[in-house]
PDB file of N, CA and C in Angstrom:
ATOM      1  N   MET A   1      76.511  74.885 152.028  1.00  0.00           N
ATOM      2  CA  MET A   1      75.168  74.852 151.078  1.00  0.00           C
ATOM      3  C   MET A   1      75.508  76.014 150.273  1.00  0.00           C
ATOM      4  N   LEU A   2      76.059  77.128 151.483  1.00  0.00           N
ATOM      5  CA  LEU A   2      76.176  78.760 151.232  1.00  0.00           C
ATOM      6  C   LEU A   2      77.158  78.420 149.796  1.00  0.00           C
ATOM      7  N   ASN A   3      78.448  77.952 150.032  1.00  0.00           N
ATOM      8  CA  ASN A   3      79.211  77.875 148.882  1.00  0.00           C
ATOM      9  C   ASN A   3      78.906  77.282 147.761  1.00  0.00           C
ATOM     10  N   LEU A   4      77.801  76.148 147.448  1.00  0.00           N
ATOM     11  CA  LEU A   4      77.118  75.645 146.409  1.00  0.00           C
ATOM     12  C   LEU A   4      76.237  77.115 145.680  1.00  0.00           C
ATOM     13  N   THR A   5      75.753  77.450 146.385  1.00  0.00           N
ATOM     14  CA  THR A   5      74.656  78.832 145.955  1.00  0.00           C
ATOM     15  C   THR A   5      75.724  79.658 145.343  1.00  0.00           C
ATOM     16  N   THR A   6      76.915  79.995 145.584  1.00  0.00           N
ATOM     17  CA  THR A   6      77.405  80.906 145.226  1.00  0.00           C
ATOM     18  C   THR A   6      78.250  80.473 143.836  1.00  0.00           C
ATOM     19  N   GLU A   7      78.820  79.031 144.321  1.00  0.00           N
ATOM     20  CA  GLU A   7      79.186  78.430 142.530  1.00  0.00           C
ATOM     21  C   GLU A   7      78.050  78.724 141.606  1.00  0.00           C
ATOM     22  N   THR A   8      76.747  78.108 142.050  1.00  0.00           N
ATOM     23  CA  THR A   8      76.326  78.404 140.730  1.00  0.00           C
ATOM     24  C   THR A   8      75.477  79.848 140.609  1.00  0.00           C
ATOM     25  N   SER A   9      75.737  80.731 141.204  1.00  0.00           N
ATOM     26  CA  SER A   9      75.412  82.087 140.995  1.00  0.00           C
ATOM     27  C   SER A   9      76.776  82.470 139.647  1.00  0.00           C
ATOM     28  N   THR A  10      77.876  82.186 140.147  1.00  0.00           N
ATOM     29  CA  THR A  10      79.172  82.647 139.420  1.00  0.00           C
ATOM     30  C   THR A  10      79.071  81.838 138.090  1.00  0.00           C
ATOM     31  N   THR A  11      78.337  80.595 137.724  1.00  0.00           N
ATOM     32  CA  THR A  11      78.573  79.762 136.719  1.00  0.00           C
ATOM     33  C   THR A  11      77.148  80.623 135.959  1.00  0.00           C
ATOM     34  N   LYS A  12      76.289  80.732 136.509  1.00  0.00           N
ATOM     35  CA  LYS A  12      75.309  81.399 135.536  1.00  0.00           C
ATOM     36  C   LYS A  12      75.588  83.032 135.293  1.00  0.00           C
ATOM     37  N   LYS A  13      76.554  83.939 135.917  1.00  0.00           N
ATOM     38  CA  LYS A  13      77.365  84.787 135.427  1.00  0.00           C
ATOM     39  C   LYS A  13      78.042  84.754 134.301  1.00  0.00           C
ATOM     40  N   GLU A  14      79.010  83.544 134.401  1.00  0.00           N
ATOM     41  CA  GLU A  14      80.105  83.432 133.497  1.00  0.00           C
ATOM     42  C   GLU A  14      79.119  82.890 131.857  1.00  0.00           C
ATOM     43  N   HIS A  15      77.898  82.371 131.942  1.00  0.00           N
ATOM     44  CA  HIS A  15      77.116  81.927 131.039  1.00  0.00           C
ATOM     45  C   HIS A  15      76.468  83.161 130.780  1.00  0.00           C
ATOM     46  N   ASP A  16      75.788  83.892 131.338  1.00  0.00           N
ATOM     47  CA  ASP A  16      75.053  85.193 130.969  1.00  0.00           C
ATOM     48  C   ASP A  16      76.338  85.841 130.164  1.00  0.00           C
ATOM     49  N   GLY A  17      77.260  86.021 130.652  1.00  0.00           N
ATOM     50  CA  GLY A  17      78.409  86.513 129.389  1.00  0.00           C
ATOM     51  C   GLY A  17      78.740  85.902 128.337  1.00  0.00           C
ATOM     52  N   ASN A  18      78.766  84.841 128.059  1.00  0.00           N
ATOM     53  CA  ASN A  18      79.197  83.990 126.913  1.00  0.00           C
ATOM     54  C   ASN A  18      77.784  84.564 126.177  1.00  0.00           C
ATOM     55  N   ASP A  19      76.253  84.520 126.507  1.00  0.00           N
ATOM     56  CA  ASP A  19      75.143  84.716 126.028  1.00  0.00           C
ATOM     57  C   ASP A  19      75.613  86.298 125.045  1.00  0.00           C
ATOM     58  N   GLU A  20      75.840  87.132 125.709  1.00  0.00           N
ATOM     59  CA  GLU A  20      76.485  88.335 125.457  1.00  0.00           C
ATOM     60  C   GLU A  20      77.402  88.470 124.209  1.00  0.00           C
ATOM     61  N   SER A  21      78.380  87.681 124.456  1.00  0.00           N
ATOM     62  CA  SER A  21      79.303  87.635 123.141  1.00  0.00           C
ATOM     63  C   SER A  21      78.833  86.832 122.143  1.00  0.00           C
ATOM     64  N   GLU A  22      78.113  85.794 122.290  1.00  0.00           N
ATOM     65  CA  GLU A  22      77.791  84.965 121.234  1.00  0.00           C
ATOM     66  C   GLU A  22      76.406  85.716 120.517  1.00  0.00           C
ATOM     67  N   THR A  23      75.586  86.671 121.080  1.00  0.00           N
ATOM     68  CA  THR A  23      74.813  87.844 120.220  1.00  0.00           C
ATOM     69  C   THR A  23      75.606  88.751 119.674  1.00  0.00           C
ATOM     70  N   HIS A  24      76.819  89.279 120.234  1.00  0.00           N
ATOM     71  CA  HIS A  24      77.490  90.242 119.652  1.00  0.00           C
ATOM     72  C   HIS A  24      78.434  89.563 118.438  1.00  0.00           C
ATOM     73  N   ASP A  25      78.830  88.437 118.514  1.00  0.00           N
ATOM     74  CA  ASP A  25      79.169  87.865 117.093  1.00  0.00           C
ATOM     75  C   ASP A  25      78.304  87.694 116.455  1.00  0.00           C
ATOM     76  N   SER A  26      77.263  87.202 116.908  1.00  0.00           N
ATOM     77  CA  SER A  26      76.261  86.912 116.113  1.00  0.00           C
ATOM     78  C   SER A  26      75.826  88.353 114.816  1.00  0.00           C
ATOM     79  N   ASP A  27      75.440  89.090 115.820  1.00  0.00           N
ATOM     80  CA  ASP A  27      75.262  90.953 115.543  1.00  0.00           C
ATOM     81  C   ASP A  27      76.574  90.977 113.972  1.00  0.00           C
ATOM     82  N   LEU A  28      78.045  91.072 114.592  1.00  0.00           N
ATOM     83  CA  LEU A  28      78.721  91.049 113.763  1.00  0.00           C
ATOM     84  C   LEU A  28      78.738  90.225 112.920  1.00  0.00           C
ATOM     85  N   ARG A  29      78.338  89.482 112.462  1.00  0.00           N
ATOM     86  CA  ARG A  29      78.404  88.161 111.679  1.00  0.00           C
ATOM     87  C   ARG A  29      77.336  89.149 110.382  1.00  0.00           C
ATOM     88  N   LEU A  30      76.307  89.158 110.973  1.00  0.00           N
ATOM     89  CA  LEU A  30      75.036  89.874 110.197  1.00  0.00           C
ATOM     90  C   LEU A  30      75.218  91.147 109.867  1.00  0.00           C
ATOM     91  N   ILE A  31      76.348  92.090 110.514  1.00  0.00           N
ATOM     92  CA  ILE A  31      76.861  93.338 109.524  1.00  0.00           C
ATOM     93  C   ILE A  31      77.610  92.967 108.966  1.00  0.00           C
ATOM     94  N   GLN A  32      78.684  92.117 108.731  1.00  0.00           N
ATOM     95  CA  GLN A  32      79.103  91.350 107.861  1.00  0.00           C
ATOM     96  C   GLN A  32      78.982  91.109 106.472  1.00  0.00           C
ATOM     97  N   GLN A  33      77.742  90.122 106.967  1.00  0.00           N
ATOM     98  CA  GLN A  33      76.964  89.580 105.720  1.00  0.00           C
ATOM     99  C   GLN A  33      76.373  90.989 104.818  1.00  0.00           C
ATOM    100  N   PHE A  34      75.913  91.878 105.674  1.00  0.00           N
ATOM    101  CA  PHE A  34      75.070  93.154 104.859  1.00  0.00           C
ATOM    102  C   PHE A  34      76.003  93.623 104.291  1.00  0.00           C
ATOM    103  N   GLU A  35      77.086  93.798 104.814  1.00  0.00           N
ATOM    104  CA  GLU A  35      78.709  94.497 103.985  1.00  0.00           C
ATOM    105  C   GLU A  35      78.919  94.009 102.510  1.00  0.00           C
ATOM    106  N   ARG A  36      79.241  93.210 103.145  1.00  0.00           N
ATOM    107  CA  ARG A  36      79.261  91.890 101.999  1.00  0.00           C
ATOM    108  C   ARG A  36      78.365  92.264 100.581  1.00  0.00           C
ATOM    109  N   ARG A  37      76.817  91.864 100.893  1.00  0.00           N
ATOM    110  CA  ARG A  37      76.089  92.053 100.007  1.00  0.00           C
ATOM    111  C   ARG A  37      76.208  93.588  99.444  1.00  0.00           C
ATOM    112  N   ARG A  38      76.300  94.320  99.556  1.00  0.00           N
ATOM    113  CA  ARG A  38      76.218  95.825  99.507  1.00  0.00           C
ATOM    114  C   ARG A  38      76.980  96.201  98.802  1.00  0.00           C
ATOM    115  N   VAL A  39      78.695  95.781  99.278  1.00  0.00           N
ATOM    116  CA  VAL A  39      79.422  95.647  97.596  1.00  0.00           C
ATOM    117  C   VAL A  39      79.294  94.775  97.002  1.00  0.00           C
ATOM    118  N   ARG A  40      78.964  93.819  96.651  1.00  0.00           N
ATOM    119  CA  ARG A  40      78.579  92.721  95.876  1.00  0.00           C
ATOM    120  C   ARG A  40      77.358  93.440  94.681  1.00  0.00           C
ATOM    121  N   LEU A  41      76.691  94.309  95.424  1.00  0.00           N
ATOM    122  CA  LEU A  41      75.598  95.116  94.738  1.00  0.00           C
ATOM    123  C   LEU A  41      76.211  95.731  93.993  1.00  0.00           C
ATOM    124  N   GLY A  42      77.396  97.119  94.784  1.00  0.00           N
ATOM    125  CA  GLY A  42      77.809  97.920  93.995  1.00  0.00           C
ATOM    126  C   GLY A  42      78.367  97.625  92.787  1.00  0.00           C
ATOM    127  N   LYS A  43      79.322  96.739  93.110  1.00  0.00           N
ATOM    128  CA  LYS A  43      80.350  96.132  91.672  1.00  0.00           C
ATOM    129  C   LYS A  43      79.228  95.776  90.860  1.00  0.00           C
ATOM    130  N   ARG A  44      78.224  94.988  91.104  1.00  0.00           N
ATOM    131  CA  ARG A  44      77.432  94.553  89.696  1.00  0.00           C
ATOM    132  C   ARG A  44      76.681  95.794  89.175  1.00  0.00           C
ATOM    133  N   LEU A  45      76.690  96.514  89.738  1.00  0.00           N
ATOM    134  CA  LEU A  45      75.607  97.509  88.926  1.00  0.00           C
ATOM    135  C   LEU A  45      76.857  98.927  88.448  1.00  0.00           C
ATOM    136  N   ALA A  46      78.206  98.673  89.197  1.00  0.00           N
ATOM    137  CA  ALA A  46      78.965  99.564  88.245  1.00  0.00           C
ATOM    138  C   ALA A  46      79.396  98.346  87.103  1.00  0.00           C
ATOM    139  N   TYR A  47      79.431  97.369  86.565  1.00  0.00           N
ATOM    140  CA  TYR A  47      79.835  96.694  85.808  1.00  0.00           C
ATOM    141  C   TYR A  47      78.264  96.657  84.728  1.00  0.00           C
ATOM    142  N   LEU A  48      77.488  96.885  85.425  1.00  0.00           N
ATOM    143  CA  LEU A  48      76.213  96.891  84.233  1.00  0.00           C
ATOM    144  C   LEU A  48      75.813  98.087  83.533  1.00  0.00           C
ATOM    145  N   LEU A  49      76.039  98.480  84.473  1.00  0.00           N
ATOM    146  CA  LEU A  49      76.020 100.825  84.093  1.00  0.00           C
ATOM    147  C   LEU A  49      76.832 101.373  83.551  1.00  0.00           C
ATOM    148  N   ARG A  50      78.242 100.514  83.343  1.00  0.00           N
ATOM    149  CA  ARG A  50      79.210 101.131  82.640  1.00  0.00           C
ATOM    150  C   ARG A  50      80.061 100.261  81.424  1.00  0.00           C
ATOM    151  N   TYR A  51      79.517  98.763  81.472  1.00  0.00           N
ATOM    152  CA  TYR A  51      79.945  98.027  80.657  1.00  0.00           C
ATOM    153  C   TYR A  51      78.761  97.217  79.986  1.00  0.00           C
ATOM    154  N   GLY A  52      78.394  96.597  80.830  1.00  0.00           N
ATOM    155  CA  GLY A  52      77.834  95.226  80.397  1.00  0.00           C
ATOM    156  C   GLY A  52      76.379  95.028  80.310  1.00  0.00           C
ATOM    157  N   ALA A  53      75.604  96.586  80.657  1.00  0.00           N
ATOM    158  CA  ALA A  53      74.242  96.249  79.794  1.00  0.00           C
ATOM    159  C   ALA A  53      74.161  95.742  78.477  1.00  0.00           C
ATOM    160  N   GLU A  54      74.335  95.987  77.528  1.00  0.00           N
ATOM    161  CA  GLU A  54      73.874  95.420  76.171  1.00  0.00           C
ATOM    162  C   GLU A  54      73.966  93.876  76.591  1.00  0.00           C
ATOM    163  N   LYS A  55      75.451  93.922  76.920  1.00  0.00           N
ATOM    164  CA  LYS A  55      76.166  92.511  76.835  1.00  0.00           C
ATOM    165  C   LYS A  55      74.964  92.005  77.449  1.00  0.00           C
ATOM    166  N   GLU A  56      74.178  91.924  78.847  1.00  0.00           N
ATOM    167  CA  GLU A  56      73.452  91.014  79.509  1.00  0.00           C
ATOM    168  C   GLU A  56      72.201  91.168  79.161  1.00  0.00           C
ATOM    169  N   GLY A  57      71.515  92.185  77.710  1.00  0.00           N
ATOM    170  CA  GLY A  57      70.597  91.966  77.031  1.00  0.00           C
ATOM    171  C   GLY A  57      69.318  93.360  77.270  1.00  0.00           C
ATOM    172  N   CYS A  58      70.145  94.499  78.064  1.00  0.00           N
ATOM    173  CA  CYS A  58      69.088  95.324  78.354  1.00  0.00           C
ATOM    174  C   CYS A  58      69.520  96.587  76.879  1.00  0.00           C
ATOM    175  N   LYS A  59      68.383  96.881  77.042  1.00  0.00           N
ATOM    176  CA  LYS A  59      68.268  98.315  76.153  1.00  0.00           C
ATOM    177  C   LYS A  59      69.199  99.691  76.188  1.00  0.00           C
ATOM    178  N   VAL A  60      70.377 100.220  75.873  1.00  0.00           N
ATOM    179  CA  VAL A  60      70.810 101.226  76.432  1.00  0.00           C
ATOM    180  C   VAL A  60      70.469 102.442  75.398  1.00  0.00           C
ATOM    181  N   ASP A  61      70.253 103.239  75.410  1.00  0.00           N
ATOM    182  CA  ASP A  61      69.972 104.513  74.661  1.00  0.00           C
ATOM    183  C   ASP A  61      70.756 105.474  75.365  1.00  0.00           C
ATOM    184  N   GLU A  62      72.027 106.251  74.510  1.00  0.00           N
ATOM    185  CA  GLU A  62      72.959 107.322  75.235  1.00  0.00           C
ATOM    186  C   GLU A  62      73.254 106.546  76.760  1.00  0.00           C
ATOM    187  N   GLY A  63      73.731 105.460  77.141  1.00  0.00           N
ATOM    188  CA  GLY A  63      73.851 105.254  78.531  1.00  0.00           C
ATOM    189  C   GLY A  63      73.065 105.094  79.295  1.00  0.00           C
ATOM    190  N   TRP A  64      71.472 105.332  79.297  1.00  0.00           N
ATOM    191  CA  TRP A  64      70.408 105.002  80.185  1.00  0.00           C
ATOM    192  C   TRP A  64      69.692 103.767  79.940  1.00  0.00           C
ATOM    193  N   VAL A  65      69.469 103.218  80.945  1.00  0.00           N
ATOM    194  CA  VAL A  65      68.904 102.065  81.048  1.00  0.00           C
ATOM    195  C   VAL A  65      67.622 101.720  81.580  1.00  0.00           C
ATOM    196  N   LYS A  66      66.597 101.018  81.313  1.00  0.00           N
ATOM    197  CA  LYS A  66      65.164 101.499  82.117  1.00  0.00           C
ATOM    198  C   LYS A  66      65.174 100.289  83.393  1.00  0.00           C
ATOM    199  N   LEU A  67      65.137 100.685  84.722  1.00  0.00           N
ATOM    200  CA  LEU A  67      65.387 100.190  85.919  1.00  0.00           C
ATOM    201  C   LEU A  67      64.738  98.734  85.778  1.00  0.00           C
ATOM    202  N   ASN A  68      63.411  98.746  85.044  1.00  0.00           N
ATOM    203  CA  ASN A  68      62.626  97.353  84.615  1.00  0.00           C
ATOM    204  C   ASN A  68      63.315  96.202  84.371  1.00  0.00           C
ATOM    205  N   ASP A  69      64.261  96.569  82.861  1.00  0.00           N
ATOM    206  CA  ASP A  69      65.474  96.064  82.054  1.00  0.00           C
ATOM    207  C   ASP A  69      66.127  95.421  82.920  1.00  0.00           C
ATOM    208  N   LEU A  70      66.796  95.981  83.673  1.00  0.00           N
ATOM    209  CA  LEU A  70      67.683  96.428  84.595  1.00  0.00           C
ATOM    210  C   LEU A  70      68.055  95.107  85.833  1.00  0.00           C
ATOM    211  N   MET A  71      66.521  95.048  86.538  1.00  0.00           N
ATOM    212  CA  MET A  71      66.096  94.072  87.202  1.00  0.00           C
ATOM    213  C   MET A  71      65.978  92.835  86.647  1.00  0.00           C
ATOM    214  N   LYS A  72      65.653  92.436  85.628  1.00  0.00           N
ATOM    215  CA  LYS A  72      65.676  91.372  84.851  1.00  0.00           C
ATOM    216  C   LYS A  72      67.098  90.407  84.612  1.00  0.00           C
ATOM    217  N   VAL A  73      68.062  91.458  84.572  1.00  0.00           N
ATOM    218  CA  VAL A  73      69.694  90.714  84.452  1.00  0.00           C
ATOM    219  C   VAL A  73      69.801  89.689  85.491  1.00  0.00           C
ATOM    220  N   ALA A  74      70.595  88.439  85.326  1.00  0.00           N
ATOM    221  CA  ALA A  74      70.739  87.183  86.328  1.00  0.00           C
ATOM    222  C   ALA A  74      71.348  87.545  87.169  1.00  0.00           C
ATOM    223  N   ILE A  75      72.372  88.483  86.923  1.00  0.00           N
ATOM    224  CA  ILE A  75      73.408  89.080  88.480  1.00  0.00           C
ATOM    225  C   ILE A  75      72.565  89.710  89.510  1.00  0.00           C
ATOM    226  N   LEU A  76      71.585  90.222  89.194  1.00  0.00           N
ATOM    227  CA  LEU A  76      70.815  90.977  90.195  1.00  0.00           C
ATOM    228  C   LEU A  76      69.808  90.390  90.590  1.00  0.00           C
ATOM    229  N   ALA A  77      69.102  88.992  90.715  1.00  0.00           N
ATOM    230  CA  ALA A  77      68.126  88.411  90.893  1.00  0.00           C
ATOM    231  C   ALA A  77      67.814  88.414  92.477  1.00  0.00           C
ATOM    232  N   GLU A  78      69.522  88.482  93.296  1.00  0.00           N
ATOM    233  CA  GLU A  78      68.990  88.528  94.765  1.00  0.00           C
ATOM    234  C   GLU A  78      68.347  89.571  95.385  1.00  0.00           C
ATOM    235  N   HIS A  79      68.722  90.443  94.494  1.00  0.00           N
ATOM    236  CA  HIS A  79      68.317  91.846  95.036  1.00  0.00           C
ATOM    237  C   HIS A  79      67.059  92.166  94.617  1.00  0.00           C
ATOM    238  N   SER A  80      66.440  93.421  95.431  1.00  0.00           N
ATOM    239  CA  SER A  80      65.085  93.837  95.140  1.00  0.00           C
ATOM    240  C   SER A  80      65.068  95.022  94.372  1.00  0.00           C
ATOM    241  N   LYS A  81      64.241  95.777  94.056  1.00  0.00           N
ATOM    242  CA  LYS A  81      64.129  96.674  92.850  1.00  0.00           C
ATOM    243  C   LYS A  81      64.366  98.239  93.849  1.00  0.00           C
ATOM    244  N   ASP A  82      63.657  97.869  94.686  1.00  0.00           N
ATOM    245  CA  ASP A  82      63.907  99.024  96.136  1.00  0.00           C
ATOM    246  C   ASP A  82      65.815  98.918  95.868  1.00  0.00           C
ATOM    247  N   GLU A  83      66.185  98.090  96.666  1.00  0.00           N
ATOM    248  CA  GLU A  83      67.332  98.086  97.039  1.00  0.00           C
ATOM    249  C   GLU A  83      68.468  98.426  96.088  1.00  0.00           C
ATOM    250  N   VAL A  84      68.156  97.965  95.077  1.00  0.00           N
ATOM    251  CA  VAL A  84      68.854  98.780  93.603  1.00  0.00           C
ATOM    252  C   VAL A  84      68.674 100.283  93.722  1.00  0.00           C
ATOM    253  N   LEU A  85      67.748 100.483  93.040  1.00  0.00           N
ATOM    254  CA  LEU A  85      67.170 102.307  93.061  1.00  0.00           C
ATOM    255  C   LEU A  85      68.043 102.697  94.737  1.00  0.00           C
ATOM    256  N   GLY A  86      67.710 101.818  95.689  1.00  0.00           N
ATOM    257  CA  GLY A  86      68.443 102.939  96.642  1.00  0.00           C
ATOM    258  C   GLY A  86      69.569 103.255  96.405  1.00  0.00           C
ATOM    259  N   ASP A  87      70.850 101.661  96.305  1.00  0.00           N
ATOM    260  CA  ASP A  87      71.859 101.935  95.586  1.00  0.00           C
ATOM    261  C   ASP A  87      71.941 103.302  94.954  1.00  0.00           C
ATOM    262  N   ILE A  88      71.827 102.981  93.996  1.00  0.00           N
ATOM    263  CA  ILE A  88      71.967 103.828  92.517  1.00  0.00           C
ATOM    264  C   ILE A  88      71.464 105.374  93.342  1.00  0.00           C
ATOM    265  N   LYS A  89      70.512 105.619  94.204  1.00  0.00           N
ATOM    266  CA  LYS A  89      70.500 107.035  94.594  1.00  0.00           C
ATOM    267  C   LYS A  89      71.670 107.895  95.723  1.00  0.00           C
ATOM    268  N   THR A  90      72.234 106.625  96.108  1.00  0.00           N
ATOM    269  CA  THR A  90      72.525 106.975  97.328  1.00  0.00           C
ATOM    270  C   THR A  90      74.313 107.008  97.453  1.00  0.00           C
ATOM    271  N   SER A  91      74.638 105.967  96.207  1.00  0.00           N
ATOM    272  CA  SER A  91      76.258 105.403  96.114  1.00  0.00           C
ATOM    273  C   SER A  91      77.090 106.718  95.912  1.00  0.00           C
ATOM    274  N   CYS A  92      78.240 107.067  96.329  1.00  0.00           N
ATOM    275  CA  CYS A  92      79.052 108.065  96.315  1.00  0.00           C
ATOM    276  C   CYS A  92      80.537 107.775  96.039  1.00  0.00           C
ATOM    277  N   SER A  93      81.379 108.093  95.439  1.00  0.00           N
ATOM    278  CA  SER A  93      82.832 107.637  95.129  1.00  0.00           C
ATOM    279  C   SER A  93      83.238 108.223  96.014  1.00  0.00           C
ATOM    280  N   TYR A  94      84.721 107.813  96.059  1.00  0.00           N
ATOM    281  CA  TYR A  94      85.749 108.779  97.374  1.00  0.00           C
ATOM    282  C   TYR A  94      85.670 109.664  96.965  1.00  0.00           C
ATOM    283  N   ARG A  95      85.637 110.494  96.119  1.00  0.00           N
ATOM    284  CA  ARG A  95      85.592 112.116  95.874  1.00  0.00           C
ATOM    285  C   ARG A  95      84.039 112.610  96.287  1.00  0.00           C
ATOM    286  N   LYS A  96      83.410 111.976  96.694  1.00  0.00           N
ATOM    287  CA  LYS A  96      82.204 112.224  97.131  1.00  0.00           C
ATOM    288  C   LYS A  96      81.296 112.822  96.335  1.00  0.00           C
ATOM    289  N   THR A  97      81.057 112.702  94.847  1.00  0.00           N
ATOM    290  CA  THR A  97      80.598 112.316  94.101  1.00  0.00           C
ATOM    291  C   THR A  97      79.636 111.070  93.632  1.00  0.00           C
ATOM    292  N   TYR A  98      78.319 111.412  93.209  1.00  0.00           N
ATOM    293  CA  TYR A  98      77.409 110.728  92.653  1.00  0.00           C
ATOM    294  C   TYR A  98      78.081 109.567  91.586  1.00  0.00           C
ATOM    295  N   ARG A  99      78.019 108.299  91.678  1.00  0.00           N
ATOM    296  CA  ARG A  99      78.393 107.308  90.945  1.00  0.00           C
ATOM    297  C   ARG A  99      77.288 107.301  90.032  1.00  0.00           C
ATOM    298  N   TYR A 100      76.001 107.671  90.009  1.00  0.00           N
ATOM    299  CA  TYR A 100      74.891 106.799  88.876  1.00  0.00           C
ATOM    300  C   TYR A 100      73.953 108.352  88.955  1.00  0.00           C
ATOM    301  N   GLN A 101      73.225 108.143  87.860  1.00  0.00           N
ATOM    302  CA  GLN A 101      71.876 109.288  87.767  1.00  0.00           C
ATOM    303  C   GLN A 101      70.998 108.720  87.550  1.00  0.00           C
ATOM    304  N   TRP A 102      69.556 109.041  87.829  1.00  0.00           N
ATOM    305  CA  TRP A 102      68.543 108.540  87.953  1.00  0.00           C
ATOM    306  C   TRP A 102      67.646 109.470  87.267  1.00  0.00           C
ATOM    307  N   GLU A 103      66.537 109.104  86.242  1.00  0.00           N
ATOM    308  CA  GLU A 103      65.341 110.389  86.346  1.00  0.00           C
ATOM    309  C   GLU A 103      63.962 109.180  86.059  1.00  0.00           C
ATOM    310  N   GLU A 104      62.878 109.647  86.109  1.00  0.00           N
ATOM    311  CA  GLU A 104      61.862 109.355  85.913  1.00  0.00           C
ATOM    312  C   GLU A 104      61.377 109.866  84.859  1.00  0.00           C
ATOM    313  N   ARG A 105      60.459 109.015  83.910  1.00  0.00           N
ATOM    314  CA  ARG A 105      60.116 109.299  82.888  1.00  0.00           C
ATOM    315  C   ARG A 105      58.828 108.968  82.452  1.00  0.00           C
ATOM    316  N   PRO A 106      57.835 108.909  81.947  1.00  0.00           N
ATOM    317  CA  PRO A 106      56.259 108.732  81.914  1.00  0.00           C
ATOM    318  C   PRO A 106      56.494 107.323  82.053  1.00  0.00           C
ATOM    319  N   ASP A 107      57.220 106.324  80.851  1.00  0.00           N
ATOM    320  CA  ASP A 107      57.261 104.916  80.931  1.00  0.00           C
ATOM    321  C   ASP A 107      58.433 104.449  81.933  1.00  0.00           C
ATOM    322  N   GLY A 108      59.077 104.919  83.257  1.00  0.00           N
ATOM    323  CA  GLY A 108      59.642 104.211  84.375  1.00  0.00           C
ATOM    324  C   GLY A 108      60.927 104.811  84.355  1.00  0.00           C
ATOM    325  N   ILE A 109      61.594 104.908  85.495  1.00  0.00           N
ATOM    326  CA  ILE A 109      62.711 105.159  86.057  1.00  0.00           C
ATOM    327  C   ILE A 109      63.806 104.408  85.262  1.00  0.00           C
ATOM    328  N   TYR A 110      64.584 105.614  84.819  1.00  0.00           N
ATOM    329  CA  TYR A 110      66.030 105.005  83.697  1.00  0.00           C
ATOM    330  C   TYR A 110      67.125 105.482  84.638  1.00  0.00           C
ATOM    331  N   VAL A 111      68.085 104.717  84.987  1.00  0.00           N
ATOM    332  CA  VAL A 111      69.176 105.267  85.359  1.00  0.00           C
ATOM    333  C   VAL A 111      70.761 104.908  84.373  1.00  0.00           C
ATOM    334  N   ARG A 112      71.851 105.498  85.033  1.00  0.00           N
ATOM    335  CA  ARG A 112      73.022 105.785  84.255  1.00  0.00           C
ATOM    336  C   ARG A 112      74.170 105.541  85.386  1.00  0.00           C
ATOM    337  N   ALA A 113      75.259 104.992  84.667  1.00  0.00           N
ATOM    338  CA  ALA A 113      76.520 105.363  85.601  1.00  0.00           C
ATOM    339  C   ALA A 113      76.858 106.800  85.182  1.00  0.00           C
ATOM    340  N   ALA A 114      77.237 107.685  86.035  1.00  0.00           N
ATOM    341  CA  ALA A 114      77.735 108.960  86.075  1.00  0.00           C
ATOM    342  C   ALA A 114      79.145 109.108  84.824  1.00  0.00           C
ATOM    343  N   TYR A 115      79.989 108.389  84.848  1.00  0.00           N
ATOM    344  CA  TYR A 115      81.179 108.604  84.066  1.00  0.00           C
ATOM    345  C   TYR A 115      81.470 107.060  83.868  1.00  0.00           C
ATOM    346  N   GLY A 116      82.620 106.747  82.995  1.00  0.00           N
ATOM    347  CA  GLY A 116      83.160 105.760  82.587  1.00  0.00           C
ATOM    348  C   GLY A 116      82.290 104.690  81.860  1.00  0.00           C
ATOM    349  N   ARG A 117      81.274 104.965  81.027  1.00  0.00           N
ATOM    350  CA  ARG A 117      80.411 104.171  80.034  1.00  0.00           C
ATOM    351  C   ARG A 117      81.263 104.045  78.675  1.00  0.00           C
ATOM    352  N   LYS A 118      81.297 102.457  78.444  1.00  0.00           N
ATOM    353  CA  LYS A 118      81.826 102.030  77.877  1.00  0.00           C
ATOM    354  C   LYS A 118      81.356 100.854  77.428  1.00  0.00           C
ATOM    355  N   PHE A 119      80.544 100.764  76.686  1.00  0.00           N
ATOM    356  CA  PHE A 119      79.466  99.166  76.674  1.00  0.00           C
ATOM    357  C   PHE A 119      80.205  98.483  75.911  1.00  0.00           C
ATOM    358  N   GLU A 120      79.949  97.244  76.379  1.00  0.00           N
ATOM    359  CA  GLU A 120      80.574  95.577  75.609  1.00  0.00           C
ATOM    360  C   GLU A 120      79.267  95.743  74.560  1.00  0.00           C
ATOM    361  N   ARG A 121      79.401  94.887  73.541  1.00  0.00           N
ATOM    362  CA  ARG A 121      78.214  94.417  72.849  1.00  0.00           C
ATOM    363  C   ARG A 121      78.454  92.860  72.505  1.00  0.00           C
TER     364      ARG A 121
END
């Protein structure tokens, strides 16, 4: 009977190890999913604020686009306003310069790409 208890104990330890491994794999998948979403948002913002805002129906004034107008564009539908503004405020290039500029005006928040603006019509 002692041998049976030992086998049960070993099996439980192995099972617990698998749970930790499954949890780790699940956490890793969530991190990868979050990273892919963040990269996708960055690429969409770069497109819109450098080239595509007018083409997507936003009013552009010297490169500035109203954040509320930007949020109406279909390719940003899966992202929240806070998520978009957060990325705009924190996104840096490999040269450690900010990719976007933003400013608050009486009628709302306006954003633009810091460089590389050549809008398509």
